[in-house]
C-alpha atoms as a PDB file:
ATOM      1  CA  MET A   1     289.613 117.851 310.944  1.00  0.00           C
ATOM      2  CA  LYS A   2     289.442 114.568 309.123  1.00  0.00           C
ATOM      3  CA  LEU A   3     286.875 112.070 310.420  1.00  0.00           C
ATOM      4  CA  PRO A   4     288.228 108.583 311.060  1.00  0.00           C
ATOM      5  CA  GLN A   5     287.105 106.017 308.482  1.00  0.00           C
ATOM      6  CA  ALA A   6     285.503 102.794 309.715  1.00  0.00           C
ATOM      7  CA  GLY A   7     284.386  99.653 307.811  1.00  0.00           C
ATOM      8  CA  PHE A   8     281.742  97.086 308.592  1.00  0.00           C
ATOM      9  CA  GLY A   9     282.074  95.177 311.760  1.00  0.00           C
ATOM     10  CA  LEU A  10     282.046  91.387 311.990  1.00  0.00           C
ATOM     11  CA  ILE A  11     278.459  91.324 313.232  1.00  0.00           C
ATOM     12  CA  GLU A  12     277.296  93.525 310.358  1.00  0.00           C
ATOM     13  CA  LEU A  13     279.037  91.280 307.821  1.00  0.00           C
ATOM     14  CA  MET A  14     277.445  88.174 309.323  1.00  0.00           C
ATOM     15  CA  VAL A  15     273.972  89.784 309.217  1.00  0.00           C
ATOM     16  CA  ALA A  16     274.488  90.768 305.571  1.00  0.00           C
ATOM     17  CA  LEU A  17     275.592  87.225 304.683  1.00  0.00           C
ATOM     18  CA  VAL A  18     272.578  85.718 306.427  1.00  0.00           C
ATOM     19  CA  LEU A  19     270.198  88.101 304.640  1.00  0.00           C
ATOM     20  CA  GLY A  20     271.860  87.268 301.335  1.00  0.00           C
ATOM     21  CA  LEU A  21     271.489  83.533 301.958  1.00  0.00           C
ATOM     22  CA  ILE A  22     267.818  83.979 302.852  1.00  0.00           C
ATOM     23  CA  ALA A  23     267.158  85.968 299.674  1.00  0.00           C
ATOM     24  CA  SER A  24     268.985  83.365 297.565  1.00  0.00           C
ATOM     25  CA  GLY A  25     267.026  80.555 299.211  1.00  0.00           C
ATOM     26  CA  VAL A  26     263.708  82.298 298.534  1.00  0.00           C
ATOM     27  CA  ALA A  27     264.676  82.853 294.898  1.00  0.00           C
ATOM     28  CA  MET A  28     265.727  79.229 294.514  1.00  0.00           C
ATOM     29  CA  GLN A  29     262.504  78.013 296.110  1.00  0.00           C
ATOM     30  CA  LEU A  30     260.432  80.152 293.740  1.00  0.00           C
ATOM     31  CA  LEU A  31     262.380  78.763 290.797  1.00  0.00           C
ATOM     32  CA  LEU A  32     261.784  75.171 291.888  1.00  0.00           C
ATOM     33  CA  VAL A  33     258.063  75.781 292.494  1.00  0.00           C
ATOM     34  CA  ASN A  34     257.685  77.457 289.095  1.00  0.00           C
ATOM     35  CA  ASN A  35     259.488  74.568 287.376  1.00  0.00           C
ATOM     36  CA  GLN A  36     257.293  72.036 289.174  1.00  0.00           C
ATOM     37  CA  THR A  37     254.136  73.950 288.272  1.00  0.00           C
ATOM     38  CA  PHE A  38     255.207  74.215 284.638  1.00  0.00           C
ATOM     39  CA  ALA A  39     255.970  70.495 284.438  1.00  0.00           C
ATOM     40  CA  LEU A  40     252.626  69.626 286.020  1.00  0.00           C
ATOM     41  CA  GLN A  41     250.733  71.910 283.645  1.00  0.00           C
ATOM     42  CA  ARG A  42     252.582  70.492 280.645  1.00  0.00           C
ATOM     43  CA  VAL A  43     251.805  66.880 281.588  1.00  0.00           C
ATOM     44  CA  SER A  44     248.202  67.735 282.482  1.00  0.00           C
ATOM     45  CA  SER A  45     247.677  69.565 279.199  1.00  0.00           C
ATOM     46  CA  SER A  46     249.197  66.707 277.195  1.00  0.00           C
ATOM     47  CA  LEU A  47     247.028  64.168 278.997  1.00  0.00           C
ATOM     48  CA  GLU A  48     243.911  66.292 278.425  1.00  0.00           C
ATOM     49  CA  ASP A  49     244.663  66.674 274.709  1.00  0.00           C
ATOM     50  CA  ASP A  50     245.257  62.934 274.295  1.00  0.00           C
ATOM     51  CA  GLY A  51     242.065  62.041 276.149  1.00  0.00           C
ATOM     52  CA  GLN A  52     239.880  64.464 274.216  1.00  0.00           C
ATOM     53  CA  MET A  53     241.315  63.286 270.914  1.00  0.00           C
ATOM     54  CA  LEU A  54     240.555  59.674 271.851  1.00  0.00           C
ATOM     55  CA  LEU A  55     236.984  60.548 272.857  1.00  0.00           C
ATOM     56  CA  ARG A  56     236.295  62.351 269.585  1.00  0.00           C
ATOM     57  CA  TYR A  57     237.672  59.465 267.530  1.00  0.00           C
ATOM     58  CA  MET A  58     235.711  56.761 269.311  1.00  0.00           C
ATOM     59  CA  MET A  59     232.490  58.784 269.515  1.00  0.00           C
ATOM     60  CA  ALA A  60     232.551  59.396 265.760  1.00  0.00           C
ATOM     61  CA  ASP A  61     232.991  55.672 265.086  1.00  0.00           C
ATOM     62  CA  ILE A  62     230.358  54.556 267.610  1.00  0.00           C
ATOM     63  CA  ARG A  63     227.788  56.871 266.003  1.00  0.00           C
ATOM     64  CA  GLN A  64     228.052  54.697 262.877  1.00  0.00           C
ATOM     65  CA  ALA A  65     227.122  51.542 264.795  1.00  0.00           C
ATOM     66  CA  GLY A  66     224.044  49.774 263.477  1.00  0.00           C
ATOM     67  CA  ARG A  67     223.989  51.502 260.107  1.00  0.00           C
ATOM     68  CA  GLY A  68     222.845  49.102 257.406  1.00  0.00           C
ATOM     69  CA  THR A  69     222.403  49.387 253.677  1.00  0.00           C
ATOM     70  CA  ALA A  70     219.556  50.946 251.716  1.00  0.00           C
ATOM     71  CA  VAL A  71     218.003  47.468 251.633  1.00  0.00           C
ATOM     72  CA  ASP A  72     218.764  46.264 255.147  1.00  0.00           C
ATOM     73  CA  GLY A  73     218.166  49.592 256.896  1.00  0.00           C
ATOM     74  CA  THR A  74     219.808  48.758 260.222  1.00  0.00           C
ATOM     75  CA  ILE A  75     221.849  45.916 261.656  1.00  0.00           C
ATOM     76  CA  GLU A  76     222.810  45.022 265.209  1.00  0.00           C
ATOM     77  CA  PRO A  77     225.078  47.857 266.420  1.00  0.00           C
ATOM     78  CA  VAL A  78     227.120  45.724 268.846  1.00  0.00           C
ATOM     79  CA  VAL A  79     228.426  42.183 268.326  1.00  0.00           C
ATOM     80  CA  PHE A  80     227.639  40.163 271.465  1.00  0.00           C
ATOM     81  CA  ASP A  81     227.633  36.715 269.844  1.00  0.00           C
ATOM     82  CA  ASN A  82     230.567  34.825 271.383  1.00  0.00           C
ATOM     83  CA  THR A  83     230.659  32.495 268.387  1.00  0.00           C
ATOM     84  CA  GLN A  84     232.116  35.375 266.379  1.00  0.00           C
ATOM     85  CA  VAL A  85     235.856  35.942 266.160  1.00  0.00           C
ATOM     86  CA  ALA A  86     235.410  39.415 267.649  1.00  0.00           C
ATOM     87  CA  TYR A  87     232.641  40.136 270.124  1.00  0.00           C
ATOM     88  CA  ALA A  88     231.975  42.532 272.989  1.00  0.00           C
ATOM     89  CA  GLN A  89     233.248  41.124 276.258  1.00  0.00           C
ATOM     90  CA  GLU A  90     232.985  42.139 279.894  1.00  0.00           C
ATOM     91  CA  GLY A  91     236.326  41.909 281.651  1.00  0.00           C
ATOM     92  CA  SER A  92     236.635  40.351 285.069  1.00  0.00           C
ATOM     93  CA  SER A  93     236.569  42.648 288.103  1.00  0.00           C
ATOM     94  CA  GLY A  94     239.043  45.457 287.528  1.00  0.00           C
ATOM     95  CA  SER A  95     240.151  44.254 284.099  1.00  0.00           C
ATOM     96  CA  ASN A  96     239.454  45.870 280.739  1.00  0.00           C
ATOM     97  CA  ASP A  97     236.327  45.443 278.642  1.00  0.00           C
ATOM     98  CA  GLU A  98     236.166  45.023 274.884  1.00  0.00           C
ATOM     99  CA  LEU A  99     233.828  46.895 272.561  1.00  0.00           C
ATOM    100  CA  VAL A 100     232.901  45.499 269.148  1.00  0.00           C
ATOM    101  CA  ILE A 101     230.680  47.608 266.902  1.00  0.00           C
ATOM    102  CA  ASN A 102     229.128  46.683 263.601  1.00  0.00           C
ATOM    103  CA  TYR A 103     227.987  48.780 260.607  1.00  0.00           C
ATOM    104  CA  PHE A 104     228.109  49.149 256.840  1.00  0.00           C
ATOM    105  CA  GLY A 105     230.720  51.592 255.550  1.00  0.00           C
ATOM    106  CA  VAL A 106     233.709  51.992 253.274  1.00  0.00           C
ATOM    107  CA  ARG A 107     236.608  52.209 255.788  1.00  0.00           C
ATOM    108  CA  ASP A 108     237.259  50.409 259.052  1.00  0.00           C
ATOM    109  CA  CYS A 109     239.049  51.931 262.058  1.00  0.00           C
ATOM    110  CA  GLN A 110     242.421  51.143 260.477  1.00  0.00           C
ATOM    111  CA  GLY A 111     241.520  52.753 257.175  1.00  0.00           C
ATOM    112  CA  GLY A 112     241.171  49.421 255.378  1.00  0.00           C
ATOM    113  CA  GLY A 113     238.681  48.988 252.555  1.00  0.00           C
ATOM    114  CA  ASP A 114     238.471  49.222 248.791  1.00  0.00           C
ATOM    115  CA  GLY A 115     236.053  52.157 248.677  1.00  0.00           C
ATOM    116  CA  SER A 116     232.926  50.047 248.298  1.00  0.00           C
ATOM    117  CA  GLU A 117     230.309  49.817 251.010  1.00  0.00           C
ATOM    118  CA  GLN A 118     230.569  46.633 253.018  1.00  0.00           C
ATOM    119  CA  GLU A 119     230.031  45.322 256.522  1.00  0.00           C
ATOM    120  CA  ILE A 120     232.622  46.532 259.040  1.00  0.00           C
ATOM    121  CA  VAL A 121     233.397  45.119 262.480  1.00  0.00           C
ATOM    122  CA  ASN A 122     235.669  47.285 264.644  1.00  0.00           C
ATOM    123  CA  ARG A 123     237.026  45.831 267.890  1.00  0.00           C
ATOM    124  CA  TYR A 124     238.370  48.127 270.628  1.00  0.00           C
ATOM    125  CA  PHE A 125     240.529  46.513 273.304  1.00  0.00           C
ATOM    126  CA  VAL A 126     243.531  47.121 275.585  1.00  0.00           C
ATOM    127  CA  ASP A 127     246.617  44.945 275.120  1.00  0.00           C
ATOM    128  CA  ASN A 128     249.037  43.755 277.800  1.00  0.00           C
ATOM    129  CA  GLN A 129     251.140  46.894 277.387  1.00  0.00           C
ATOM    130  CA  GLY A 130     248.291  49.225 278.301  1.00  0.00           C
ATOM    131  CA  VAL A 131     247.684  50.362 274.724  1.00  0.00           C
ATOM    132  CA  LEU A 132     244.090  50.913 273.588  1.00  0.00           C
ATOM    133  CA  SER A 133     243.947  49.549 270.068  1.00  0.00           C
ATOM    134  CA  CYS A 134     241.423  48.850 267.330  1.00  0.00           C
ATOM    135  CA  SER A 135     241.331  46.029 264.840  1.00  0.00           C
ATOM    136  CA  GLY A 136     239.139  46.405 261.762  1.00  0.00           C
ATOM    137  CA  SER A 137     237.601  43.537 259.840  1.00  0.00           C
ATOM    138  CA  LEU A 138     238.824  44.963 256.524  1.00  0.00           C
ATOM    139  CA  SER A 139     242.463  45.284 257.620  1.00  0.00           C
ATOM    140  CA  GLY A 140     245.144  43.073 259.089  1.00  0.00           C
ATOM    141  CA  GLY A 141     246.848  43.638 262.414  1.00  0.00           C
ATOM    142  CA  VAL A 142     245.820  46.410 264.803  1.00  0.00           C
ATOM    143  CA  ALA A 143     245.958  50.193 265.007  1.00  0.00           C
ATOM    144  CA  GLU A 144     247.323  51.590 268.273  1.00  0.00           C
ATOM    145  CA  LEU A 145     245.170  54.492 269.426  1.00  0.00           C
ATOM    146  CA  MET A 146     246.440  55.449 272.890  1.00  0.00           C
ATOM    147  CA  SER A 147     249.123  54.277 275.314  1.00  0.00           C
ATOM    148  CA  GLY A 148     249.057  54.636 279.078  1.00  0.00           C
ATOM    149  CA  VAL A 149     245.537  53.169 279.401  1.00  0.00           C
ATOM    150  CA  GLU A 150     245.047  51.673 282.864  1.00  0.00           C
ATOM    151  CA  SER A 151     241.351  50.888 282.507  1.00  0.00           C
ATOM    152  CA  PHE A 152     238.772  50.708 279.719  1.00  0.00           C
ATOM    153  CA  GLN A 153     235.175  50.099 280.767  1.00  0.00           C
ATOM    154  CA  VAL A 154     232.040  49.869 278.611  1.00  0.00           C
ATOM    155  CA  GLN A 155     228.331  49.599 279.417  1.00  0.00           C
ATOM    156  CA  TYR A 156     225.295  49.429 277.180  1.00  0.00           C
ATOM    157  CA  GLY A 157     222.050  51.345 277.567  1.00  0.00           C
ATOM    158  CA  ILE A 158     219.095  49.109 276.800  1.00  0.00           C
ATOM    159  CA  ASP A 159     215.430  49.917 276.234  1.00  0.00           C
ATOM    160  CA  THR A 160     213.137  47.439 277.984  1.00  0.00           C
ATOM    161  CA  ASN A 161     209.982  49.517 277.456  1.00  0.00           C
ATOM    162  CA  VAL A 162     208.672  48.882 273.946  1.00  0.00           C
ATOM    163  CA  ASN A 163     206.617  52.001 273.177  1.00  0.00           C
ATOM    164  CA  GLY A 164     208.052  53.293 269.912  1.00  0.00           C
ATOM    165  CA  GLU A 165     210.264  55.831 271.688  1.00  0.00           C
ATOM    166  CA  PRO A 166     213.941  55.005 272.238  1.00  0.00           C
ATOM    167  CA  SER A 167     215.006  55.567 275.833  1.00  0.00           C
ATOM    168  CA  VAL A 168     217.554  54.034 278.157  1.00  0.00           C
ATOM    169  CA  THR A 169     215.891  51.960 280.856  1.00  0.00           C
ATOM    170  CA  ARG A 170     219.159  50.887 282.449  1.00  0.00           C
ATOM    171  CA  TYR A 171     222.806  50.265 281.694  1.00  0.00           C
ATOM    172  CA  VAL A 172     224.174  46.736 281.651  1.00  0.00           C
ATOM    173  CA  ASN A 173     227.463  45.009 281.011  1.00  0.00           C
ATOM    174  CA  ALA A 174     228.120  42.904 277.934  1.00  0.00           C
ATOM    175  CA  GLY A 175     225.969  39.802 278.119  1.00  0.00           C
ATOM    176  CA  GLY A 176     223.296  41.409 280.260  1.00  0.00           C
ATOM    177  CA  GLN A 177     221.295  42.974 277.454  1.00  0.00           C
ATOM    178  CA  GLY A 178     219.168  39.909 276.747  1.00  0.00           C
ATOM    179  CA  SER A 179     216.857  40.450 273.775  1.00  0.00           C
ATOM    180  CA  ASN A 180     216.515  44.176 274.495  1.00  0.00           C
ATOM    181  CA  PRO A 181     217.827  46.668 271.926  1.00  0.00           C
ATOM    182  CA  VAL A 182     220.964  48.681 272.674  1.00  0.00           C
ATOM    183  CA  VAL A 183     220.200  52.380 272.247  1.00  0.00           C
ATOM    184  CA  SER A 184     223.345  53.917 273.768  1.00  0.00           C
ATOM    185  CA  ILE A 185     226.917  53.045 274.648  1.00  0.00           C
ATOM    186  CA  ARG A 186     228.866  54.643 277.451  1.00  0.00           C
ATOM    187  CA  PHE A 187     232.557  54.116 277.942  1.00  0.00           C
ATOM    188  CA  ALA A 188     235.280  55.405 280.235  1.00  0.00           C
ATOM    189  CA  VAL A 189     239.060  55.408 279.927  1.00  0.00           C
ATOM    190  CA  LEU A 190     241.618  55.942 282.690  1.00  0.00           C
ATOM    191  CA  LEU A 191     244.794  57.462 281.247  1.00  0.00           C
ATOM    192  CA  SER A 192     248.131  57.764 283.022  1.00  0.00           C
ATOM    193  CA  SER A 193     251.101  60.015 282.276  1.00  0.00           C
ATOM    194  CA  ASP A 194     254.044  58.203 280.747  1.00  0.00           C
ATOM    195  CA  SER A 195     256.477  59.318 283.465  1.00  0.00           C
ATOM    196  CA  ASN A 196     256.585  60.445 287.065  1.00  0.00           C
ATOM    197  CA  ILE A 197     256.127  64.105 287.873  1.00  0.00           C
ATOM    198  CA  GLN A 198     257.225  66.112 290.892  1.00  0.00           C
ATOM    199  CA  VAL A 199     254.165  65.600 293.053  1.00  0.00           C
ATOM    200  CA  ASP A 200     253.652  63.817 296.327  1.00  0.00           C
ATOM    201  CA  ALA A 201     252.961  60.136 295.766  1.00  0.00           C
ATOM    202  CA  ALA A 202     249.509  59.124 296.941  1.00  0.00           C
ATOM    203  CA  ALA A 203     247.120  56.246 296.377  1.00  0.00           C
ATOM    204  CA  SER A 204     244.058  57.083 294.260  1.00  0.00           C
ATOM    205  CA  THR A 205     240.598  55.700 293.563  1.00  0.00           C
ATOM    206  CA  PHE A 206     238.764  56.153 290.267  1.00  0.00           C
ATOM    207  CA  TYR A 207     235.211  55.264 289.272  1.00  0.00           C
ATOM    208  CA  LEU A 208     234.622  54.034 285.722  1.00  0.00           C
ATOM    209  CA  ALA A 209     231.138  52.777 284.844  1.00  0.00           C
ATOM    210  CA  ASP A 210     230.466  50.000 287.374  1.00  0.00           C
ATOM    211  CA  GLN A 211     234.126  49.487 288.278  1.00  0.00           C
ATOM    212  CA  VAL A 212     236.169  50.959 291.137  1.00  0.00           C
ATOM    213  CA  ILE A 213     239.842  51.210 290.190  1.00  0.00           C
ATOM    214  CA  ASN A 214     242.311  51.508 293.075  1.00  0.00           C
ATOM    215  CA  VAL A 215     245.779  52.720 292.130  1.00  0.00           C
ATOM    216  CA  ALA A 216     248.799  52.308 294.386  1.00  0.00           C
ATOM    217  CA  ALA A 217     250.764  55.361 295.464  1.00  0.00           C
ATOM    218  CA  ASP A 218     253.083  56.733 292.797  1.00  0.00           C
ATOM    219  CA  ALA A 219     253.970  60.078 291.233  1.00  0.00           C
ATOM    220  CA  ARG A 220     252.054  59.734 287.965  1.00  0.00           C
ATOM    221  CA  LEU A 221     249.223  61.982 286.867  1.00  0.00           C
ATOM    222  CA  ARG A 222     245.933  60.290 285.917  1.00  0.00           C
ATOM    223  CA  LYS A 223     242.658  61.419 284.411  1.00  0.00           C
ATOM    224  CA  VAL A 224     239.362  59.744 283.566  1.00  0.00           C
ATOM    225  CA  PHE A 225     237.696  60.449 280.230  1.00  0.00           C
ATOM    226  CA  ARG A 226     234.138  59.278 279.666  1.00  0.00           C
ATOM    227  CA  SER A 227     231.343  59.706 277.177  1.00  0.00           C
ATOM    228  CA  THR A 228     227.877  58.399 276.393  1.00  0.00           C
ATOM    229  CA  VAL A 229     226.917  57.997 272.737  1.00  0.00           C
ATOM    230  CA  MET A 230     223.328  57.510 271.623  1.00  0.00           C
ATOM    231  CA  ILE A 231     222.928  54.924 268.887  1.00  0.00           C
ATOM    232  CA  ARG A 232     221.533  56.566 265.753  1.00  0.00           C
ATOM    233  CA  ASN A 233     220.690  53.361 263.915  1.00  0.00           C
ATOM    234  CA  TYR A 234     218.357  50.892 265.572  1.00  0.00           C
ATOM    235  CA  ASP A 235     215.288  48.822 264.840  1.00  0.00           C
ATOM    236  CA  TRP A 236     212.273  51.064 265.494  1.00  0.00           C
ATOM    237  CA  ASP A 237     210.032  48.046 265.931  1.00  0.00           C
ATOM    238  CA  GLY A 238     212.094  46.940 268.908  1.00  0.00           C
ATOM    239  CA  VAL A 239     212.079  50.147 270.981  1.00  0.00           C
END
């Protein structure tokens, strides 16, 4: 005897469709999460690379501060004299600082120079477009180092205990060093991604040197990069 053939019933078809939709939804959700994670990792990695590159560049230049000639030995590592065209300045609350270092060398931060040793003054500052730049005394114009800078803060470690051993007694802002020698420079930079990423917008607070930076809620990724550089060239009689 032949058995009667029967297909799927309406209920079975509806269950199969529902299960198929659930599986498709799960697959789509996994795809979206993976794409979001990849985008976040890409932006984070790019921001980290940019920040580390900036730190290495500035640290290498700051280590030259105060280097004099064979005759002069050392010079003042930081220009605080506000009668100079370029001098270290403390920004108002929440605004950017400026760092101006001084040394004898053959090339300024823009690569200017004729190959002979001469006095160099390099000024680091942030322009109105959020670009950290450097202007060298041997070159014209400015060299753009990093965009997306939301804060640039600098403090100076001074030695108030004259005992022949360089040590940081405290950190001060530009103008607060008095007659005490500067034996270290610490700086911090807050970098922001150049575009929004797929993350929940939230307000953030960052701490740079003596400044508290509050950022309104948005979908940008931010990171703080900081370093402290000991001055290698200083007047031994003053520490």
